[in-house]
């Protein structure tokens, strides 16, 4: 039997139906005791994370600036916090929103900076 190279193997997968690929995966599980789909799924996020950096970030308020009222309003809109909690963040700084995407963090940062606040994304 001829040995398949990677390109030939992928080309043959492209010609298979989904059911045929599922049967192939099941056969690989039986023959080798490994689930190739689990390996592929586990490897994909690791590769993407290395290229793009962190997938979730935190928006930290370092200073509310000269006028705190607009900053407090924005904090309340973004977080859903009450007036007292939002005022505490504006007065003392700290995390406005945690574990969010970089895009969402950039939007929040722009809103807060427009209101006069100083913001860091970590």
PDB file of N, CA and C in Angstrom:
ATOM      1  N   UNK A   1       0.843  -1.187   0.000  1.00  0.00           N
ATOM      2  CA  UNK A   1       0.000   0.000   0.000  1.00  0.00           C
ATOM      3  C   UNK A   1       0.882   1.242   0.000  1.00  0.00           C
ATOM      4  N   UNK A   2       0.539   2.186  -0.838  1.00  0.00           N
ATOM      5  CA  UNK A   2       1.313   3.414  -0.949  1.00  0.00           C
ATOM      6  C   UNK A   2       1.008   4.333   0.227  1.00  0.00           C
ATOM      7  N   UNK A   3       2.022   5.021   0.664  1.00  0.00           N
ATOM      8  CA  UNK A   3       1.856   5.949   1.777  1.00  0.00           C
ATOM      9  C   UNK A   3       1.281   7.263   1.241  1.00  0.00           C
ATOM     10  N   UNK A   4       0.228   7.778   1.913  1.00  0.00           N
ATOM     11  CA  UNK A   4      -0.382   9.043   1.520  1.00  0.00           C
ATOM     12  C   UNK A   4       0.394  10.197   2.150  1.00  0.00           C
ATOM     13  N   UNK A   5       0.620  11.230   1.378  1.00  0.00           N
ATOM     14  CA  UNK A   5       1.184  12.431   1.987  1.00  0.00           C
ATOM     15  C   UNK A   5       0.031  13.316   2.462  1.00  0.00           C
ATOM     16  N   UNK A   6       0.358  14.366   3.157  1.00  0.00           N
ATOM     17  CA  UNK A   6      -0.658  15.236   3.757  1.00  0.00           C
ATOM     18  C   UNK A   6      -1.588  15.829   2.705  1.00  0.00           C
ATOM     19  N   UNK A   7      -1.045  16.285   1.595  1.00  0.00           N
ATOM     20  CA  UNK A   7      -1.859  16.911   0.552  1.00  0.00           C
ATOM     21  C   UNK A   7      -2.858  15.926  -0.049  1.00  0.00           C
ATOM     22  N   UNK A   8      -2.399  14.679  -0.315  1.00  0.00           N
ATOM     23  CA  UNK A   8      -3.293  13.661  -0.873  1.00  0.00           C
ATOM     24  C   UNK A   8      -4.395  13.301   0.119  1.00  0.00           C
ATOM     25  N   UNK A   9      -4.037  13.216   1.401  1.00  0.00           N
ATOM     26  CA  UNK A   9      -5.028  12.884   2.429  1.00  0.00           C
ATOM     27  C   UNK A   9      -6.103  13.966   2.507  1.00  0.00           C
ATOM     28  N   UNK A  10      -5.693  15.219   2.512  1.00  0.00           N
ATOM     29  CA  UNK A  10      -6.656  16.324   2.580  1.00  0.00           C
ATOM     30  C   UNK A  10      -7.509  16.364   1.324  1.00  0.00           C
ATOM     31  N   UNK A  11      -6.895  16.102   0.171  1.00  0.00           N
ATOM     32  CA  UNK A  11      -7.661  16.069  -1.080  1.00  0.00           C
ATOM     33  C   UNK A  11      -8.715  14.965  -1.036  1.00  0.00           C
ATOM     34  N   UNK A  12      -8.355  13.823  -0.468  1.00  0.00           N
ATOM     35  CA  UNK A  12      -9.343  12.737  -0.377  1.00  0.00           C
ATOM     36  C   UNK A  12     -10.450  13.078   0.615  1.00  0.00           C
ATOM     37  N   UNK A  13     -10.130  13.814   1.679  1.00  0.00           N
ATOM     38  CA  UNK A  13     -11.170  14.249   2.620  1.00  0.00           C
ATOM     39  C   UNK A  13     -12.148  15.206   1.950  1.00  0.00           C
ATOM     40  N   UNK A  14     -11.637  16.059   1.077  1.00  0.00           N
ATOM     41  CA  UNK A  14     -12.496  17.006   0.374  1.00  0.00           C
ATOM     42  C   UNK A  14     -13.499  16.309  -0.534  1.00  0.00           C
ATOM     43  N   UNK A  15     -13.183  15.104  -0.974  1.00  0.00           N
ATOM     44  CA  UNK A  15     -14.077  14.344  -1.850  1.00  0.00           C
ATOM     45  C   UNK A  15     -15.097  13.515  -1.074  1.00  0.00           C
ATOM     46  N   UNK A  16     -14.931  13.394   0.245  1.00  0.00           N
ATOM     47  CA  UNK A  16     -15.821  12.566   1.063  1.00  0.00           C
ATOM     48  C   UNK A  16     -17.061  13.343   1.499  1.00  0.00           C
ATOM     49  N   UNK A  17     -18.110  12.569   1.776  1.00  0.00           N
ATOM     50  CA  UNK A  17     -19.308  13.160   2.360  1.00  0.00           C
ATOM     51  C   UNK A  17     -19.100  13.263   3.864  1.00  0.00           C
ATOM     52  N   UNK A  18     -19.965  13.996   4.510  1.00  0.00           N
ATOM     53  CA  UNK A  18     -19.867  14.146   5.962  1.00  0.00           C
ATOM     54  C   UNK A  18     -20.005  12.799   6.659  1.00  0.00           C
ATOM     55  N   UNK A  19     -20.902  11.961   6.163  1.00  0.00           N
ATOM     56  CA  UNK A  19     -21.100  10.635   6.758  1.00  0.00           C
ATOM     57  C   UNK A  19     -19.840   9.787   6.613  1.00  0.00           C
ATOM     58  N   UNK A  20     -19.182   9.852   5.458  1.00  0.00           N
ATOM     59  CA  UNK A  20     -17.950   9.091   5.253  1.00  0.00           C
ATOM     60  C   UNK A  20     -16.844   9.576   6.191  1.00  0.00           C
ATOM     61  N   UNK A  21     -16.756  10.879   6.398  1.00  0.00           N
ATOM     62  CA  UNK A  21     -15.744  11.423   7.317  1.00  0.00           C
ATOM     63  C   UNK A  21     -16.034  10.981   8.743  1.00  0.00           C
ATOM     64  N   UNK A  22     -17.313  10.975   9.124  1.00  0.00           N
ATOM     65  CA  UNK A  22     -17.692  10.524  10.466  1.00  0.00           C
ATOM     66  C   UNK A  22     -17.305   9.063  10.662  1.00  0.00           C
ATOM     67  N   UNK A  23     -17.531   8.237   9.645  1.00  0.00           N
ATOM     68  CA  UNK A  23     -17.146   6.826   9.728  1.00  0.00           C
ATOM     69  C   UNK A  23     -15.630   6.691   9.842  1.00  0.00           C
ATOM     70  N   UNK A  24     -14.889   7.524   9.128  1.00  0.00           N
ATOM     71  CA  UNK A  24     -13.432   7.514   9.208  1.00  0.00           C
ATOM     72  C   UNK A  24     -12.959   7.877  10.612  1.00  0.00           C
ATOM     73  N   UNK A  25     -13.565   8.883  11.201  1.00  0.00           N
ATOM     74  CA  UNK A  25     -13.208   9.290  12.563  1.00  0.00           C
ATOM     75  C   UNK A  25     -13.495   8.162  13.544  1.00  0.00           C
ATOM     76  N   UNK A  26     -14.645   7.511  13.400  1.00  0.00           N
ATOM     77  CA  UNK A  26     -14.980   6.387  14.280  1.00  0.00           C
ATOM     78  C   UNK A  26     -13.976   5.248  14.122  1.00  0.00           C
ATOM     79  N   UNK A  27     -13.569   4.967  12.880  1.00  0.00           N
ATOM     80  CA  UNK A  27     -12.589   3.915  12.634  1.00  0.00           C
ATOM     81  C   UNK A  27     -11.245   4.263  13.268  1.00  0.00           C
ATOM     82  N   UNK A  28     -10.873   5.548  13.223  1.00  0.00           N
ATOM     83  CA  UNK A  28      -9.610   5.975  13.841  1.00  0.00           C
ATOM     84  C   UNK A  28      -9.680   5.842  15.358  1.00  0.00           C
ATOM     85  N   UNK A  29     -10.863   6.115  15.921  1.00  0.00           N
ATOM     86  CA  UNK A  29     -11.032   5.944  17.369  1.00  0.00           C
ATOM     87  C   UNK A  29     -10.809   4.487  17.748  1.00  0.00           C
ATOM     88  N   UNK A  30     -11.402   3.573  16.979  1.00  0.00           N
ATOM     89  CA  UNK A  30     -11.272   2.149  17.276  1.00  0.00           C
ATOM     90  C   UNK A  30      -9.847   1.664  17.055  1.00  0.00           C
ATOM     91  N   UNK A  31      -9.224   2.069  15.957  1.00  0.00           N
ATOM     92  CA  UNK A  31      -7.905   1.560  15.605  1.00  0.00           C
ATOM     93  C   UNK A  31      -6.802   2.099  16.510  1.00  0.00           C
ATOM     94  N   UNK A  32      -6.897   3.380  16.863  1.00  0.00           N
ATOM     95  CA  UNK A  32      -5.796   4.006  17.597  1.00  0.00           C
ATOM     96  C   UNK A  32      -6.147   4.455  19.008  1.00  0.00           C
ATOM     97  N   UNK A  33      -7.427   4.378  19.359  1.00  0.00           N
ATOM     98  CA  UNK A  33      -7.842   4.780  20.698  1.00  0.00           C
ATOM     99  C   UNK A  33      -7.771   6.284  20.931  1.00  0.00           C
ATOM    100  N   UNK A  34      -7.794   7.051  19.851  1.00  0.00           N
ATOM    101  CA  UNK A  34      -7.707   8.498  19.950  1.00  0.00           C
ATOM    102  C   UNK A  34      -8.865   9.111  19.171  1.00  0.00           C
ATOM    103  N   UNK A  35      -9.373  10.213  19.679  1.00  0.00           N
ATOM    104  CA  UNK A  35     -10.425  10.933  18.969  1.00  0.00           C
ATOM    105  C   UNK A  35      -9.764  12.066  18.208  1.00  0.00           C
ATOM    106  N   UNK A  36      -9.571  11.940  16.881  1.00  0.00           N
ATOM    107  CA  UNK A  36      -8.886  12.992  16.130  1.00  0.00           C
ATOM    108  C   UNK A  36      -9.626  14.323  16.145  1.00  0.00           C
ATOM    109  N   UNK A  37     -10.937  14.294  16.278  1.00  0.00           N
ATOM    110  CA  UNK A  37     -11.681  15.556  16.317  1.00  0.00           C
ATOM    111  C   UNK A  37     -11.378  16.324  17.597  1.00  0.00           C
ATOM    112  N   UNK A  38     -11.159  15.632  18.701  1.00  0.00           N
ATOM    113  CA  UNK A  38     -10.818  16.302  19.957  1.00  0.00           C
ATOM    114  C   UNK A  38      -9.447  16.958  19.867  1.00  0.00           C
ATOM    115  N   UNK A  39      -8.523  16.304  19.195  1.00  0.00           N
ATOM    116  CA  UNK A  39      -7.182  16.862  19.023  1.00  0.00           C
ATOM    117  C   UNK A  39      -7.249  18.105  18.145  1.00  0.00           C
ATOM    118  N   UNK A  40      -8.023  18.050  17.070  1.00  0.00           N
ATOM    119  CA  UNK A  40      -8.137  19.195  16.165  1.00  0.00           C
ATOM    120  C   UNK A  40      -8.795  20.372  16.860  1.00  0.00           C
ATOM    121  N   UNK A  41      -9.821  20.115  17.653  1.00  0.00           N
ATOM    122  CA  UNK A  41     -10.518  21.184  18.360  1.00  0.00           C
ATOM    123  C   UNK A  41      -9.622  21.791  19.431  1.00  0.00           C
ATOM    124  N   UNK A  42      -8.841  20.984  20.123  1.00  0.00           N
ATOM    125  CA  UNK A  42      -7.961  21.490  21.170  1.00  0.00           C
ATOM    126  C   UNK A  42      -6.797  22.283  20.573  1.00  0.00           C
ATOM    127  N   UNK A  43      -6.327  21.892  19.405  1.00  0.00           N
ATOM    128  CA  UNK A  43      -5.184  22.571  18.797  1.00  0.00           C
ATOM    129  C   UNK A  43      -5.582  23.914  18.188  1.00  0.00           C
ATOM    130  N   UNK A  44      -6.769  24.029  17.671  1.00  0.00           N
ATOM    131  CA  UNK A  44      -7.187  25.248  16.981  1.00  0.00           C
ATOM    132  C   UNK A  44      -7.188  26.483  17.886  1.00  0.00           C
ATOM    133  N   UNK A  45      -7.791  26.455  19.089  1.00  0.00           N
ATOM    134  CA  UNK A  45      -7.758  27.657  19.921  1.00  0.00           C
ATOM    135  C   UNK A  45      -6.346  28.043  20.353  1.00  0.00           C
ATOM    136  N   UNK A  46      -5.496  27.066  20.595  1.00  0.00           N
ATOM    137  CA  UNK A  46      -4.134  27.375  21.016  1.00  0.00           C
ATOM    138  C   UNK A  46      -3.390  28.113  19.918  1.00  0.00           C
ATOM    139  N   UNK A  47      -3.577  27.703  18.684  1.00  0.00           N
ATOM    140  CA  UNK A  47      -2.902  28.368  17.578  1.00  0.00           C
ATOM    141  C   UNK A  47      -3.427  29.780  17.399  1.00  0.00           C
ATOM    142  N   UNK A  48      -4.723  29.970  17.483  1.00  0.00           N
ATOM    143  CA  UNK A  48      -5.315  31.295  17.318  1.00  0.00           C
ATOM    144  C   UNK A  48      -4.921  32.236  18.437  1.00  0.00           C
ATOM    145  N   UNK A  49      -4.844  31.735  19.647  1.00  0.00           N
ATOM    146  CA  UNK A  49      -4.496  32.572  20.786  1.00  0.00           C
ATOM    147  C   UNK A  49      -3.056  33.065  20.679  1.00  0.00           C
ATOM    148  N   UNK A  50      -2.177  32.231  20.153  1.00  0.00           N
ATOM    149  CA  UNK A  50      -0.782  32.630  20.035  1.00  0.00           C
ATOM    150  C   UNK A  50      -0.618  33.746  19.011  1.00  0.00           C
ATOM    151  N   UNK A  51      -1.447  33.729  17.972  1.00  0.00           N
ATOM    152  CA  UNK A  51      -1.315  34.732  16.925  1.00  0.00           C
ATOM    153  C   UNK A  51      -1.973  36.050  17.285  1.00  0.00           C
ATOM    154  N   UNK A  52      -3.130  36.010  17.948  1.00  0.00           N
ATOM    155  CA  UNK A  52      -3.924  37.206  18.164  1.00  0.00           C
ATOM    156  C   UNK A  52      -3.738  37.853  19.525  1.00  0.00           C
ATOM    157  N   UNK A  53      -3.141  37.183  20.469  1.00  0.00           N
ATOM    158  CA  UNK A  53      -3.000  37.728  21.807  1.00  0.00           C
ATOM    159  C   UNK A  53      -4.192  37.334  22.658  1.00  0.00           C
ATOM    160  N   UNK A  54      -4.446  38.067  23.745  1.00  0.00           N
ATOM    161  CA  UNK A  54      -5.532  37.676  24.635  1.00  0.00           C
ATOM    162  C   UNK A  54      -6.895  37.805  23.958  1.00  0.00           C
ATOM    163  N   UNK A  55      -7.777  36.849  24.281  1.00  0.00           N
ATOM    164  CA  UNK A  55      -9.105  36.879  23.671  1.00  0.00           C
ATOM    165  C   UNK A  55     -10.087  37.666  24.519  1.00  0.00           C
ATOM    166  N   UNK A  56      -9.798  37.841  25.791  1.00  0.00           N
ATOM    167  CA  UNK A  56     -10.669  38.663  26.622  1.00  0.00           C
ATOM    168  C   UNK A  56      -9.821  39.646  27.420  1.00  0.00           C
ATOM    169  N   UNK A  57     -10.337  40.839  27.563  1.00  0.00           N
ATOM    170  CA  UNK A  57      -9.600  41.907  28.235  1.00  0.00           C
ATOM    171  C   UNK A  57     -10.495  42.580  29.273  1.00  0.00           C
ATOM    172  N   UNK A  58      -9.884  43.461  30.045  1.00  0.00           N
ATOM    173  CA  UNK A  58     -10.595  44.218  31.063  1.00  0.00           C
ATOM    174  C   UNK A  58     -10.384  45.703  30.820  1.00  0.00           C
ATOM    175  N   UNK A  59     -11.462  46.473  30.938  1.00  0.00           N
ATOM    176  CA  UNK A  59     -11.384  47.923  30.815  1.00  0.00           C
ATOM    177  C   UNK A  59     -11.269  48.498  32.222  1.00  0.00           C
ATOM    178  N   UNK A  60     -10.172  49.204  32.492  1.00  0.00           N
ATOM    179  CA  UNK A  60      -9.936  49.804  33.802  1.00  0.00           C
ATOM    180  C   UNK A  60      -9.968  51.320  33.700  1.00  0.00           C
ATOM    181  N   UNK A  61     -10.733  51.939  34.574  1.00  0.00           N
ATOM    182  CA  UNK A  61     -10.792  53.392  34.650  1.00  0.00           C
ATOM    183  C   UNK A  61      -9.669  53.851  35.564  1.00  0.00           C
ATOM    184  N   UNK A  62      -8.778  54.707  35.052  1.00  0.00           N
ATOM    185  CA  UNK A  62      -7.685  55.215  35.882  1.00  0.00           C
ATOM    186  C   UNK A  62      -8.028  56.579  36.476  1.00  0.00           C
ATOM    187  N   UNK A  63      -8.837  57.364  35.736  1.00  0.00           N
ATOM    188  CA  UNK A  63      -9.257  58.672  36.239  1.00  0.00           C
ATOM    189  C   UNK A  63     -10.545  59.079  35.541  1.00  0.00           C
ATOM    190  N   UNK A  64     -11.460  59.666  36.292  1.00  0.00           N
ATOM    191  CA  UNK A  64     -12.719  60.115  35.711  1.00  0.00           C
ATOM    192  C   UNK A  64     -12.572  61.464  35.022  1.00  0.00           C
ATOM    193  N   UNK A  65     -11.472  62.156  35.246  1.00  0.00           N
ATOM    194  CA  UNK A  65     -11.266  63.454  34.629  1.00  0.00           C
ATOM    195  C   UNK A  65     -11.947  64.563  35.413  1.00  0.00           C
ATOM    196  N   UNK A  66     -12.112  65.697  34.781  1.00  0.00           N
ATOM    197  CA  UNK A  66     -12.655  66.881  35.455  1.00  0.00           C
ATOM    198  C   UNK A  66     -14.138  66.795  35.740  1.00  0.00           C
ATOM    199  N   UNK A  67     -14.913  66.233  34.837  1.00  0.00           N
ATOM    200  CA  UNK A  67     -16.360  66.155  35.011  1.00  0.00           C
ATOM    201  C   UNK A  67     -16.771  64.702  35.155  1.00  0.00           C
ATOM    202  N   UNK A  68     -17.115  64.298  36.375  1.00  0.00           N
ATOM    203  CA  UNK A  68     -17.412  62.893  36.650  1.00  0.00           C
ATOM    204  C   UNK A  68     -18.814  62.475  36.232  1.00  0.00           C
ATOM    205  N   UNK A  69     -19.744  63.388  36.165  1.00  0.00           N
ATOM    206  CA  UNK A  69     -21.138  63.020  35.904  1.00  0.00           C
ATOM    207  C   UNK A  69     -21.306  62.290  34.565  1.00  0.00           C
ATOM    208  N   UNK A  70     -20.736  62.796  33.459  1.00  0.00           N
ATOM    209  CA  UNK A  70     -20.877  62.039  32.206  1.00  0.00           C
ATOM    210  C   UNK A  70     -20.225  60.661  32.272  1.00  0.00           C
ATOM    211  N   UNK A  71     -19.105  60.567  32.980  1.00  0.00           N
ATOM    212  CA  UNK A  71     -18.411  59.289  33.121  1.00  0.00           C
ATOM    213  C   UNK A  71     -19.274  58.315  33.925  1.00  0.00           C
ATOM    214  N   UNK A  72     -19.879  58.795  35.004  1.00  0.00           N
ATOM    215  CA  UNK A  72     -20.758  57.951  35.821  1.00  0.00           C
ATOM    216  C   UNK A  72     -21.925  57.443  34.983  1.00  0.00           C
ATOM    217  N   UNK A  73     -22.500  58.313  34.160  1.00  0.00           N
ATOM    218  CA  UNK A  73     -23.625  57.900  33.299  1.00  0.00           C
ATOM    219  C   UNK A  73     -23.200  56.798  32.338  1.00  0.00           C
ATOM    220  N   UNK A  74     -22.026  56.943  31.745  1.00  0.00           N
ATOM    221  CA  UNK A  74     -21.530  55.924  30.814  1.00  0.00           C
ATOM    222  C   UNK A  74     -21.267  54.610  31.543  1.00  0.00           C
ATOM    223  N   UNK A  75     -20.665  54.682  32.719  1.00  0.00           N
ATOM    224  CA  UNK A  75     -20.403  53.473  33.504  1.00  0.00           C
ATOM    225  C   UNK A  75     -21.717  52.764  33.817  1.00  0.00           C
ATOM    226  N   UNK A  76     -22.732  53.524  34.196  1.00  0.00           N
ATOM    227  CA  UNK A  76     -24.042  52.925  34.500  1.00  0.00           C
ATOM    228  C   UNK A  76     -24.642  52.267  33.260  1.00  0.00           C
ATOM    229  N   UNK A  77     -24.541  52.937  32.114  1.00  0.00           N
ATOM    230  CA  UNK A  77     -25.079  52.379  30.876  1.00  0.00           C
ATOM    231  C   UNK A  77     -24.371  51.087  30.486  1.00  0.00           C
ATOM    232  N   UNK A  78     -23.067  51.061  30.631  1.00  0.00           N
ATOM    233  CA  UNK A  78     -22.269  49.912  30.213  1.00  0.00           C
ATOM    234  C   UNK A  78     -22.460  48.730  31.152  1.00  0.00           C
ATOM    235  N   UNK A  79     -22.454  49.000  32.447  1.00  0.00           N
ATOM    236  CA  UNK A  79     -22.432  47.913  33.428  1.00  0.00           C
ATOM    237  C   UNK A  79     -23.791  47.557  34.009  1.00  0.00           C
ATOM    238  N   UNK A  80     -24.726  48.507  34.004  1.00  0.00           N
ATOM    239  CA  UNK A  80     -26.009  48.261  34.653  1.00  0.00           C
ATOM    240  C   UNK A  80     -25.934  48.454  36.161  1.00  0.00           C
ATOM    241  N   UNK A  81     -24.842  49.025  36.638  1.00  0.00           N
ATOM    242  CA  UNK A  81     -24.684  49.261  38.075  1.00  0.00           C
ATOM    243  C   UNK A  81     -25.582  50.411  38.526  1.00  0.00           C
ATOM    244  N   UNK A  82     -25.782  50.468  39.822  1.00  0.00           N
ATOM    245  CA  UNK A  82     -26.521  51.571  40.408  1.00  0.00           C
ATOM    246  C   UNK A  82     -25.657  52.815  40.488  1.00  0.00           C
ATOM    247  N   UNK A  83     -26.271  53.913  40.879  1.00  0.00           N
ATOM    248  CA  UNK A  83     -25.581  55.191  40.946  1.00  0.00           C
ATOM    249  C   UNK A  83     -24.391  55.145  41.897  1.00  0.00           C
ATOM    250  N   UNK A  84     -24.582  54.579  43.087  1.00  0.00           N
ATOM    251  CA  UNK A  84     -23.508  54.538  44.085  1.00  0.00           C
ATOM    252  C   UNK A  84     -22.310  53.724  43.600  1.00  0.00           C
ATOM    253  N   UNK A  85     -22.576  52.545  43.019  1.00  0.00           N
ATOM    254  CA  UNK A  85     -21.490  51.686  42.552  1.00  0.00           C
ATOM    255  C   UNK A  85     -20.726  52.341  41.394  1.00  0.00           C
ATOM    256  N   UNK A  86     -21.472  52.954  40.474  1.00  0.00           N
ATOM    257  CA  UNK A  86     -20.831  53.631  39.348  1.00  0.00           C
ATOM    258  C   UNK A  86     -20.006  54.818  39.835  1.00  0.00           C
ATOM    259  N   UNK A  87     -20.518  55.566  40.837  1.00  0.00           N
ATOM    260  CA  UNK A  87     -19.788  56.696  41.392  1.00  0.00           C
ATOM    261  C   UNK A  87     -18.514  56.222  42.081  1.00  0.00           C
ATOM    262  N   UNK A  88     -18.576  55.075  42.770  1.00  0.00           N
ATOM    263  CA  UNK A  88     -17.385  54.523  43.418  1.00  0.00           C
ATOM    264  C   UNK A  88     -16.293  54.216  42.390  1.00  0.00           C
ATOM    265  N   UNK A  89     -16.684  53.650  41.247  1.00  0.00           N
ATOM    266  CA  UNK A  89     -15.688  53.373  40.200  1.00  0.00           C
ATOM    267  C   UNK A  89     -15.118  54.675  39.659  1.00  0.00           C
ATOM    268  N   UNK A  90     -15.985  55.665  39.452  1.00  0.00           N
ATOM    269  CA  UNK A  90     -15.518  56.958  38.936  1.00  0.00           C
ATOM    270  C   UNK A  90     -14.583  57.642  39.932  1.00  0.00           C
ATOM    271  N   UNK A  91     -14.887  57.543  41.217  1.00  0.00           N
ATOM    272  CA  UNK A  91     -14.059  58.178  42.248  1.00  0.00           C
ATOM    273  C   UNK A  91     -12.734  57.457  42.452  1.00  0.00           C
ATOM    274  N   UNK A  92     -12.776  56.122  42.517  1.00  0.00           N
ATOM    275  CA  UNK A  92     -11.611  55.338  42.911  1.00  0.00           C
ATOM    276  C   UNK A  92     -10.904  54.635  41.765  1.00  0.00           C
ATOM    277  N   UNK A  93     -11.517  54.621  40.590  1.00  0.00           N
ATOM    278  CA  UNK A  93     -10.946  53.868  39.476  1.00  0.00           C
ATOM    279  C   UNK A  93     -11.244  52.390  39.651  1.00  0.00           C
ATOM    280  N   UNK A  94     -10.764  51.600  38.724  1.00  0.00           N
ATOM    281  CA  UNK A  94     -10.956  50.161  38.801  1.00  0.00           C
ATOM    282  C   UNK A  94     -11.603  49.613  37.550  1.00  0.00           C
ATOM    283  N   UNK A  95     -11.946  48.336  37.629  1.00  0.00           N
ATOM    284  CA  UNK A  95     -12.487  47.628  36.474  1.00  0.00           C
ATOM    285  C   UNK A  95     -13.901  48.099  36.160  1.00  0.00           C
ATOM    286  N   UNK A  96     -14.097  48.542  34.940  1.00  0.00           N
ATOM    287  CA  UNK A  96     -15.432  48.926  34.478  1.00  0.00           C
ATOM    288  C   UNK A  96     -16.138  47.690  33.949  1.00  0.00           C
ATOM    289  N   UNK A  97     -15.441  46.914  33.109  1.00  0.00           N
ATOM    290  CA  UNK A  97     -16.011  45.689  32.560  1.00  0.00           C
ATOM    291  C   UNK A  97     -14.877  44.707  32.329  1.00  0.00           C
ATOM    292  N   UNK A  98     -15.096  43.434  32.710  1.00  0.00           N
ATOM    293  CA  UNK A  98     -14.061  42.410  32.630  1.00  0.00           C
ATOM    294  C   UNK A  98     -14.445  41.309  31.649  1.00  0.00           C
ATOM    295  N   UNK A  99     -13.430  40.610  31.167  1.00  0.00           N
ATOM    296  CA  UNK A  99     -13.596  39.452  30.288  1.00  0.00           C
ATOM    297  C   UNK A  99     -14.472  39.754  29.079  1.00  0.00           C
ATOM    298  N   UNK A 100     -14.104  40.779  28.337  1.00  0.00           N
ATOM    299  CA  UNK A 100     -14.834  41.157  27.129  1.00  0.00           C
ATOM    300  C   UNK A 100     -13.880  41.109  25.945  1.00  0.00           C
ATOM    301  N   UNK A 101     -14.432  41.172  24.748  1.00  0.00           N
ATOM    302  CA  UNK A 101     -13.607  41.139  23.548  1.00  0.00           C
ATOM    303  C   UNK A 101     -12.831  42.450  23.401  1.00  0.00           C
ATOM    304  N   UNK A 102     -11.766  42.389  22.654  1.00  0.00           N
ATOM    305  CA  UNK A 102     -10.929  43.575  22.413  1.00  0.00           C
ATOM    306  C   UNK A 102     -11.743  44.658  21.708  1.00  0.00           C
ATOM    307  N   UNK A 103     -12.612  44.255  20.779  1.00  0.00           N
ATOM    308  CA  UNK A 103     -13.420  45.235  20.048  1.00  0.00           C
ATOM    309  C   UNK A 103     -14.368  45.982  20.987  1.00  0.00           C
ATOM    310  N   UNK A 104     -15.052  45.219  21.862  1.00  0.00           N
ATOM    311  CA  UNK A 104     -15.971  45.846  22.825  1.00  0.00           C
ATOM    312  C   UNK A 104     -15.204  46.764  23.769  1.00  0.00           C
ATOM    313  N   UNK A 105     -14.019  46.331  24.184  1.00  0.00           N
ATOM    314  CA  UNK A 105     -13.199  47.147  25.081  1.00  0.00           C
ATOM    315  C   UNK A 105     -12.792  48.464  24.409  1.00  0.00           C
ATOM    316  N   UNK A 106     -12.465  48.389  23.133  1.00  0.00           N
ATOM    317  CA  UNK A 106     -12.087  49.610  22.410  1.00  0.00           C
ATOM    318  C   UNK A 106     -13.265  50.579  22.318  1.00  0.00           C
ATOM    319  N   UNK A 107     -14.476  50.050  22.111  1.00  0.00           N
ATOM    320  CA  UNK A 107     -15.674  50.902  22.048  1.00  0.00           C
ATOM    321  C   UNK A 107     -15.926  51.593  23.394  1.00  0.00           C
ATOM    322  N   UNK A 108     -15.815  50.814  24.472  1.00  0.00           N
ATOM    323  CA  UNK A 108     -16.034  51.372  25.808  1.00  0.00           C
ATOM    324  C   UNK A 108     -14.978  52.425  26.116  1.00  0.00           C
ATOM    325  N   UNK A 109     -13.739  52.127  25.777  1.00  0.00           N
ATOM    326  CA  UNK A 109     -12.649  53.077  26.020  1.00  0.00           C
ATOM    327  C   UNK A 109     -12.913  54.391  25.287  1.00  0.00           C
ATOM    328  N   UNK A 110     -13.350  54.304  24.038  1.00  0.00           N
ATOM    329  CA  UNK A 110     -13.623  55.508  23.258  1.00  0.00           C
ATOM    330  C   UNK A 110     -14.734  56.342  23.898  1.00  0.00           C
ATOM    331  N   UNK A 111     -15.795  55.690  24.370  1.00  0.00           N
ATOM    332  CA  UNK A 111     -16.903  56.409  25.008  1.00  0.00           C
ATOM    333  C   UNK A 111     -16.429  57.123  26.273  1.00  0.00           C
ATOM    334  N   UNK A 112     -15.666  56.412  27.101  1.00  0.00           N
ATOM    335  CA  UNK A 112     -15.202  56.997  28.358  1.00  0.00           C
ATOM    336  C   UNK A 112     -14.205  58.122  28.116  1.00  0.00           C
ATOM    337  N   UNK A 113     -13.304  57.943  27.151  1.00  0.00           N
ATOM    338  CA  UNK A 113     -12.331  58.998  26.864  1.00  0.00           C
ATOM    339  C   UNK A 113     -13.011  60.237  26.277  1.00  0.00           C
ATOM    340  N   UNK A 114     -14.073  60.022  25.510  1.00  0.00           N
ATOM    341  CA  UNK A 114     -14.824  61.146  24.960  1.00  0.00           C
ATOM    342  C   UNK A 114     -15.454  61.956  26.081  1.00  0.00           C
ATOM    343  N   UNK A 115     -15.811  61.295  27.191  1.00  0.00           N
ATOM    344  CA  UNK A 115     -16.395  61.979  28.339  1.00  0.00           C
ATOM    345  C   UNK A 115     -15.332  62.598  29.249  1.00  0.00           C
ATOM    346  N   UNK A 116     -14.037  62.393  28.926  1.00  0.00           N
ATOM    347  CA  UNK A 116     -12.959  63.004  29.692  1.00  0.00           C
ATOM    348  C   UNK A 116     -12.227  62.076  30.631  1.00  0.00           C
ATOM    349  N   UNK A 117     -12.537  60.789  30.604  1.00  0.00           N
ATOM    350  CA  UNK A 117     -11.902  59.842  31.514  1.00  0.00           C
ATOM    351  C   UNK A 117     -10.596  59.316  30.928  1.00  0.00           C
ATOM    352  N   UNK A 118      -9.754  58.793  31.806  1.00  0.00           N
ATOM    353  CA  UNK A 118      -8.537  58.081  31.398  1.00  0.00           C
ATOM    354  C   UNK A 118      -8.781  56.600  31.606  1.00  0.00           C
ATOM    355  N   UNK A 119      -8.491  55.805  30.578  1.00  0.00           N
ATOM    356  CA  UNK A 119      -8.839  54.380  30.588  1.00  0.00           C
ATOM    357  C   UNK A 119      -7.656  53.548  30.127  1.00  0.00           C
ATOM    358  N   UNK A 120      -7.504  52.356  30.732  1.00  0.00           N
ATOM    359  CA  UNK A 120      -6.508  51.382  30.304  1.00  0.00           C
ATOM    360  C   UNK A 120      -7.234  50.081  29.961  1.00  0.00           C
ATOM    361  N   UNK A 121      -6.699  49.380  28.970  1.00  0.00           N
ATOM    362  CA  UNK A 121      -7.216  48.055  28.637  1.00  0.00           C
ATOM    363  C   UNK A 121      -6.126  47.048  28.988  1.00  0.00           C
ATOM    364  N   UNK A 122      -6.488  46.096  29.824  1.00  0.00           N
ATOM    365  CA  UNK A 122      -5.517  45.084  30.256  1.00  0.00           C
ATOM    366  C   UNK A 122      -6.013  43.700  29.924  1.00  0.00           C
TER     367      UNK A 122
END
